[in-house]
């Protein structure tokens, strides 16, 4: 994913660092050209840079939002090792930093996740609910039994690479739970590369040793194996009913299978099973927030923030 975008000359970018344990997260703060009205933390996709998250939602800055995004541990200049568990801890640390930063400016804090980022955002908030951020939102957000990575897809790829013609998804799951698959072995890595290439046939940087900016030598591969094989990350999560939750998604999102009305209704049903207060808005765009409906989505997010301040 290459990132190209421009802001007005009087918009400013600032590198920030956030400590989490013995590691350091690299973040980027984008201050708007007009008076800053709020701070919005963007929890990023797996394997992406802070700039990529900012590029997807940059026009919120034109509406007075100061934006902050970051890279998870193990990605680019953030130290340490990537795992789903670490990304939740990373997000909690960033929200703590952002809460203090917003307090010093006298402005409210909001949080928006993009795709994978909904796992660490909602996990972090569920474990440590607080008045900050005042709203939560998910763009192309995941939910219980709603994921880009699907067990049936990776199990099929693994069966091909392991020459196991009759391997079912259930049998593959049993192998994973029993510790009988080496997540750093050539068979799984080959299967993962094939599966990811099928999911993202164009535009993604995929190799045997990496996905986008996420290199497996800096990744807890056991955690990655669980990520691509499980849809259970939203089990037992909850957000206080007083905290607003908004899911915005694309009606052309093929990765979450939201291109038909019945699928969109099913998606909303699954989200509200975890977050009963969730509201929804759909727009003419794809999973990566590209399409003619993007600016309408930006306006909707801006109004959502304003309405709860």
Protein backbone atom coordinates (compact mmCIF):
# COMPACT_ATOMS: atom_id res chain seq x y z
CA UNK A 1 0.00 0.00 0.00
CA UNK A 2 1.72 3.16 -1.18
CA UNK A 3 0.69 6.40 0.49
CA UNK A 4 0.41 9.67 -1.43
CA UNK A 5 -1.51 12.63 -0.08
CA UNK A 6 -1.18 16.34 0.34
CA UNK A 7 -2.52 18.77 2.91
CA UNK A 8 -2.52 22.55 2.96
CA UNK A 9 0.81 24.13 3.80
CA UNK A 10 -0.38 25.31 7.20
CA UNK A 11 -1.34 21.78 8.27
CA UNK A 12 1.44 20.26 10.35
CA UNK A 13 2.75 16.76 10.91
CA UNK A 14 4.56 15.86 14.10
CA UNK A 15 6.25 12.61 15.03
CA UNK A 16 5.38 11.38 18.51
CA UNK A 17 6.57 8.46 20.62
CA UNK A 18 4.47 6.46 23.07
CA UNK A 19 6.04 4.12 25.60
CA UNK A 20 4.49 0.71 26.22
CA UNK A 21 6.50 -1.39 28.62
CA UNK A 22 10.10 -1.41 27.42
CA UNK A 23 9.09 -0.65 23.85
CA UNK A 24 8.39 2.52 21.92
CA UNK A 25 5.57 3.11 19.45
CA UNK A 26 6.05 5.56 16.61
CA UNK A 27 3.09 7.78 15.91
CA UNK A 28 2.20 10.75 13.74
CA UNK A 29 0.07 13.72 14.75
CA UNK A 30 -1.68 15.77 12.06
CA UNK A 31 -2.85 19.19 13.24
CA UNK A 32 -5.55 20.86 11.11
CA UNK A 33 -5.12 24.18 9.30
CA UNK A 34 -8.04 25.63 11.28
CA UNK A 35 -8.79 25.78 15.00
CA UNK A 36 -8.44 22.35 16.60
CA UNK A 37 -11.83 21.18 17.85
CA UNK A 38 -11.07 17.59 18.88
CA UNK A 39 -8.44 14.84 18.84
CA UNK A 40 -9.21 11.66 16.91
CA UNK A 41 -7.06 8.56 17.39
CA UNK A 42 -7.03 6.20 14.40
CA UNK A 43 -6.26 2.59 15.27
CA UNK A 44 -4.64 1.17 12.13
CA UNK A 45 -4.81 -1.91 9.98
CA UNK A 46 -2.36 -4.72 10.68
CA UNK A 47 0.91 -4.15 8.84
CA UNK A 48 0.23 -0.55 7.93
CA UNK A 49 2.04 2.68 8.73
CA UNK A 50 0.66 5.57 10.74
CA UNK A 51 0.62 7.64 7.56
CA UNK A 52 -1.60 5.12 5.82
CA UNK A 53 -4.30 5.47 8.48
CA UNK A 54 -4.02 9.25 8.31
CA UNK A 55 -4.29 9.18 4.53
CA UNK A 56 -7.59 7.29 4.67
CA UNK A 57 -9.26 9.82 6.98
CA UNK A 58 -7.18 12.94 6.32
CA UNK A 59 -10.15 15.11 5.35
CA UNK A 60 -11.39 15.00 8.93
CA UNK A 61 -8.56 17.49 9.57
CA UNK A 62 -10.29 19.96 7.26
CA UNK A 63 -13.22 19.86 9.67
CA UNK A 64 -11.11 20.78 12.68
CA UNK A 65 -10.00 17.35 13.89
CA UNK A 66 -6.45 16.78 15.01
CA UNK A 67 -5.59 13.22 13.92
CA UNK A 68 -3.17 10.78 15.53
CA UNK A 69 -2.24 7.33 14.28
CA UNK A 70 0.60 4.97 15.09
CA UNK A 71 2.27 1.71 14.17
CA UNK A 72 1.92 -1.37 16.33
CA UNK A 73 4.92 -2.93 17.98
CA UNK A 74 7.06 -4.84 15.52
CA UNK A 75 6.06 -2.67 12.55
CA UNK A 76 8.47 -0.19 10.94
CA UNK A 77 10.13 1.98 13.61
CA UNK A 78 8.02 0.79 16.52
CA UNK A 79 10.16 -1.55 18.58
CA UNK A 80 9.25 -4.99 19.91
CA UNK A 81 7.17 -7.79 18.46
CA UNK A 82 3.75 -7.72 16.81
CA UNK A 83 0.92 -9.82 18.19
CA UNK A 84 -2.80 -9.33 18.59
CA UNK A 85 -2.32 -9.15 22.34
CA UNK A 86 0.44 -6.55 21.97
CA UNK A 87 -1.66 -4.45 19.60
CA UNK A 88 -4.35 -4.23 22.28
CA UNK A 89 -1.76 -3.10 24.83
CA UNK A 90 -0.36 -0.66 22.26
CA UNK A 91 -3.79 0.84 21.68
CA UNK A 92 -4.43 1.19 25.40
CA UNK A 93 -1.11 3.05 25.79
CA UNK A 94 -1.90 5.33 22.84
CA UNK A 95 -5.36 6.15 24.21
CA UNK A 96 -3.80 7.01 27.56
CA UNK A 97 -1.29 9.30 25.83
CA UNK A 98 -4.04 10.84 23.69
CA UNK A 99 -6.31 11.42 26.68
CA UNK A 100 -3.63 13.52 28.37
CA UNK A 101 -2.79 15.31 25.12
CA UNK A 102 -6.45 16.21 24.58
CA UNK A 103 -6.84 17.31 28.21
CA UNK A 104 -3.90 19.69 27.88
CA UNK A 105 -5.56 21.28 24.85
CA UNK A 106 -9.01 21.35 26.43
CA UNK A 107 -10.57 19.33 23.61
CA UNK A 108 -12.53 16.04 23.51
CA UNK A 109 -11.02 12.72 22.42
CA UNK A 110 -12.60 10.32 19.91
CA UNK A 111 -11.35 7.02 18.44
CA UNK A 112 -11.86 5.43 15.03
CA UNK A 113 -10.65 1.98 14.01
CA UNK A 114 -9.98 0.76 10.50
CA UNK A 115 -10.61 -2.94 9.73
CA UNK A 116 -8.24 -4.97 11.99
CA UNK A 117 -7.92 -1.95 14.28
CA UNK A 118 -11.39 -2.65 15.67
CA UNK A 119 -9.98 -5.69 17.51
CA UNK A 120 -7.42 -3.78 19.62
CA UNK A 121 -9.67 -0.71 19.98
CA UNK A 122 -12.70 -2.52 21.36
CA UNK A 123 -10.58 -5.02 23.30
CA UNK A 124 -8.65 -2.18 24.92
CA UNK A 125 -11.77 -0.19 25.75
CA UNK A 126 -13.64 -3.25 27.02
CA UNK A 127 -10.82 -4.04 29.46
CA UNK A 128 -10.37 -0.44 30.66
CA UNK A 129 -13.52 1.63 30.00
CA UNK A 130 -13.17 5.32 30.78
CA UNK A 131 -14.81 8.65 29.89
CA UNK A 132 -12.19 9.02 27.14
CA UNK A 133 -12.72 8.66 24.25
CA UNK A 134 -16.21 10.11 24.22
CA UNK A 135 -17.16 8.16 21.07
CA UNK A 136 -15.97 5.00 19.34
CA UNK A 137 -16.30 4.36 15.61
CA UNK A 138 -15.26 1.58 13.25
CA UNK A 139 -14.67 1.99 9.52
CA UNK A 140 -14.90 -1.36 7.69
CA UNK A 141 -15.03 -2.71 11.23
CA UNK A 142 -14.89 -6.33 12.28
CA UNK A 143 -17.26 -8.06 14.68
CA UNK A 144 -17.96 -11.48 16.13
CA UNK A 145 -18.01 -13.93 13.19
CA UNK A 146 -17.30 -11.04 10.80
CA UNK A 147 -13.70 -11.02 9.61
CA UNK A 148 -11.54 -10.66 6.52
CA UNK A 149 -9.52 -13.72 7.52
CA UNK A 150 -11.70 -16.81 7.48
CA UNK A 151 -10.75 -20.24 8.88
CA UNK A 152 -12.12 -22.05 5.84
CA UNK A 153 -9.85 -20.03 3.55
CA UNK A 154 -6.57 -20.61 5.39
CA UNK A 155 -7.43 -24.28 6.05
CA UNK A 156 -7.98 -24.85 2.33
CA UNK A 157 -4.66 -23.20 1.49
CA UNK A 158 -2.90 -25.22 4.18
CA UNK A 159 -4.42 -28.47 2.90
CA UNK A 160 -3.05 -27.70 -0.57
CA UNK A 161 0.47 -26.92 0.65
CA UNK A 162 0.53 -29.89 3.04
CA UNK A 163 -0.93 -32.21 0.40
CA UNK A 164 -3.85 -33.13 2.65
CA UNK A 165 -6.77 -33.39 0.25
CA UNK A 166 -9.43 -34.31 2.80
CA UNK A 167 -8.52 -31.77 5.52
CA UNK A 168 -11.67 -30.04 6.77
CA UNK A 169 -11.86 -26.66 8.49
CA UNK A 170 -12.77 -28.43 11.75
CA UNK A 171 -9.78 -30.77 11.47
CA UNK A 172 -7.50 -27.84 10.72
CA UNK A 173 -8.81 -26.06 13.81
CA UNK A 174 -8.07 -29.14 15.89
CA UNK A 175 -4.50 -29.18 14.56
CA UNK A 176 -4.09 -25.52 15.52
CA UNK A 177 -5.50 -26.03 19.02
CA UNK A 178 -3.33 -29.10 19.52
CA UNK A 179 -0.17 -27.23 18.58
CA UNK A 180 0.40 -29.49 15.57
CA UNK A 181 1.02 -26.71 13.05
CA UNK A 182 4.34 -24.88 13.01
CA UNK A 183 3.42 -21.23 12.34
CA UNK A 184 7.01 -20.48 11.31
CA UNK A 185 7.33 -23.55 9.09
CA UNK A 186 7.48 -23.50 5.32
CA UNK A 187 4.10 -25.20 4.88
CA UNK A 188 2.13 -22.66 6.90
CA UNK A 189 4.09 -19.69 5.52
CA UNK A 190 3.45 -20.89 1.97
CA UNK A 191 -0.23 -21.39 2.74
CA UNK A 192 -0.44 -17.94 4.32
CA UNK A 193 1.17 -16.28 1.32
CA UNK A 194 -1.22 -18.06 -1.05
CA UNK A 195 -4.25 -17.21 1.06
CA UNK A 196 -3.34 -13.53 1.45
CA UNK A 197 -2.64 -13.24 -2.27
CA UNK A 198 -6.13 -14.60 -2.93
CA UNK A 199 -7.67 -12.12 -0.49
CA UNK A 200 -5.70 -9.15 -1.84
CA UNK A 201 -4.99 -9.93 -5.51
CA UNK A 202 -3.95 -6.36 -6.39
CA UNK A 203 -2.20 -3.54 -4.58
CA UNK A 204 -0.93 -5.41 -1.53
CA UNK A 205 2.74 -6.16 -0.80
CA UNK A 206 2.73 -9.85 0.12
CA UNK A 207 5.65 -12.25 0.39
CA UNK A 208 6.65 -15.49 2.11
CA UNK A 209 8.17 -13.46 4.95
CA UNK A 210 5.86 -10.45 5.21
CA UNK A 211 2.47 -8.82 4.75
CA UNK A 212 2.74 -5.15 3.88
CA UNK A 213 5.00 -3.57 6.56
CA UNK A 214 4.61 -6.55 8.91
CA UNK A 215 7.66 -8.84 8.72
CA UNK A 216 7.26 -12.23 10.31
CA UNK A 217 10.69 -12.19 11.92
CA UNK A 218 9.28 -9.45 14.18
CA UNK A 219 5.93 -11.20 14.69
CA UNK A 220 4.63 -13.65 17.26
CA UNK A 221 3.67 -16.23 14.66
CA UNK A 222 1.54 -18.20 17.10
CA UNK A 223 -0.59 -15.09 17.57
CA UNK A 224 -0.76 -14.58 13.80
CA UNK A 225 -1.87 -18.18 13.34
CA UNK A 226 -4.65 -17.66 15.85
CA UNK A 227 -5.65 -14.41 14.14
CA UNK A 228 -6.19 -15.98 10.72
CA UNK A 229 -7.89 -19.05 12.17
CA UNK A 230 -10.26 -17.57 14.74
CA UNK A 231 -13.34 -15.38 14.71
CA UNK A 232 -13.53 -15.28 18.52
CA UNK A 233 -11.81 -11.96 19.24
CA UNK A 234 -15.11 -10.25 20.02
CA UNK A 235 -16.22 -12.91 22.50
CA UNK A 236 -16.98 -11.41 25.91
CA UNK A 237 -16.31 -7.83 24.76
CA UNK A 238 -18.58 -5.07 25.94
CA UNK A 239 -18.75 -1.30 25.85
CA UNK A 240 -20.80 0.71 28.37
CA UNK A 241 -24.15 1.54 26.83
CA UNK A 242 -23.49 5.22 27.51
CA UNK A 243 -20.54 5.16 25.07
CA UNK A 244 -21.70 5.85 21.50
CA UNK A 245 -20.58 3.34 18.85
CA UNK A 246 -20.84 3.98 15.11
CA UNK A 247 -19.98 1.50 12.34
CA UNK A 248 -19.46 2.99 8.88
CA UNK A 249 -18.98 0.59 6.02
CA UNK A 250 -18.94 0.33 2.25
CA UNK A 251 -21.76 -1.14 0.23
CA UNK A 252 -19.03 -2.28 -2.20
CA UNK A 253 -16.99 -4.04 0.51
CA UNK A 254 -16.23 -7.46 -0.96
CA UNK A 255 -13.79 -8.39 1.83
CA UNK A 256 -16.56 -8.33 4.45
CA UNK A 257 -19.14 -9.58 1.90
CA UNK A 258 -21.35 -6.49 2.22
CA UNK A 259 -22.34 -6.05 -1.43
CA UNK A 260 -25.95 -7.22 -0.96
CA UNK A 261 -28.69 -5.94 1.33
CA UNK A 262 -29.19 -9.29 3.15
CA UNK A 263 -25.45 -9.48 3.90
CA UNK A 264 -25.45 -5.91 5.21
CA UNK A 265 -28.41 -6.66 7.48
CA UNK A 266 -26.64 -9.76 8.78
CA UNK A 267 -23.49 -7.71 9.42
CA UNK A 268 -25.43 -5.16 11.44
CA UNK A 269 -27.15 -7.93 13.39
CA UNK A 270 -23.81 -9.48 14.35
CA UNK A 271 -22.36 -6.14 15.44
CA UNK A 272 -25.37 -5.26 17.60
CA UNK A 273 -25.17 -8.67 19.27
CA UNK A 274 -21.93 -7.38 20.84
CA UNK A 275 -22.62 -3.64 20.92
CA UNK A 276 -26.39 -3.12 21.28
CA UNK A 277 -26.05 0.66 21.06
CA UNK A 278 -24.24 0.55 17.71
CA UNK A 279 -25.49 2.75 14.90
CA UNK A 280 -24.73 2.17 11.23
CA UNK A 281 -24.22 4.15 8.07
CA UNK A 282 -23.27 2.68 4.72
CA UNK A 283 -21.63 4.48 1.82
CA UNK A 284 -20.71 3.81 -1.79
CA UNK A 285 -17.11 2.70 -1.18
CA UNK A 286 -15.01 -0.42 -0.81
CA UNK A 287 -13.27 -2.03 2.16
CA UNK A 288 -10.35 0.39 1.92
CA UNK A 289 -12.61 3.46 2.06
CA UNK A 290 -12.27 4.23 -1.63
CA UNK A 291 -15.21 5.24 -3.76
CA UNK A 292 -17.63 8.09 -4.46
CA UNK A 293 -19.13 7.83 -0.97
CA UNK A 294 -15.92 8.59 0.91
CA UNK A 295 -16.52 12.31 1.42
CA UNK A 296 -20.05 11.62 2.63
CA UNK A 297 -18.55 9.22 5.17
CA UNK A 298 -16.08 11.89 6.33
CA UNK A 299 -18.97 14.33 6.80
CA UNK A 300 -20.97 11.71 8.72
CA UNK A 301 -18.05 11.03 11.07
CA UNK A 302 -17.55 14.75 11.64
CA UNK A 303 -21.24 15.22 12.48
CA UNK A 304 -21.13 12.15 14.74
CA UNK A 305 -18.28 13.66 16.72
CA UNK A 306 -19.93 17.07 16.90
CA UNK A 307 -23.24 15.65 18.09
CA UNK A 308 -21.61 14.06 21.16
CA UNK A 309 -19.47 17.01 22.24
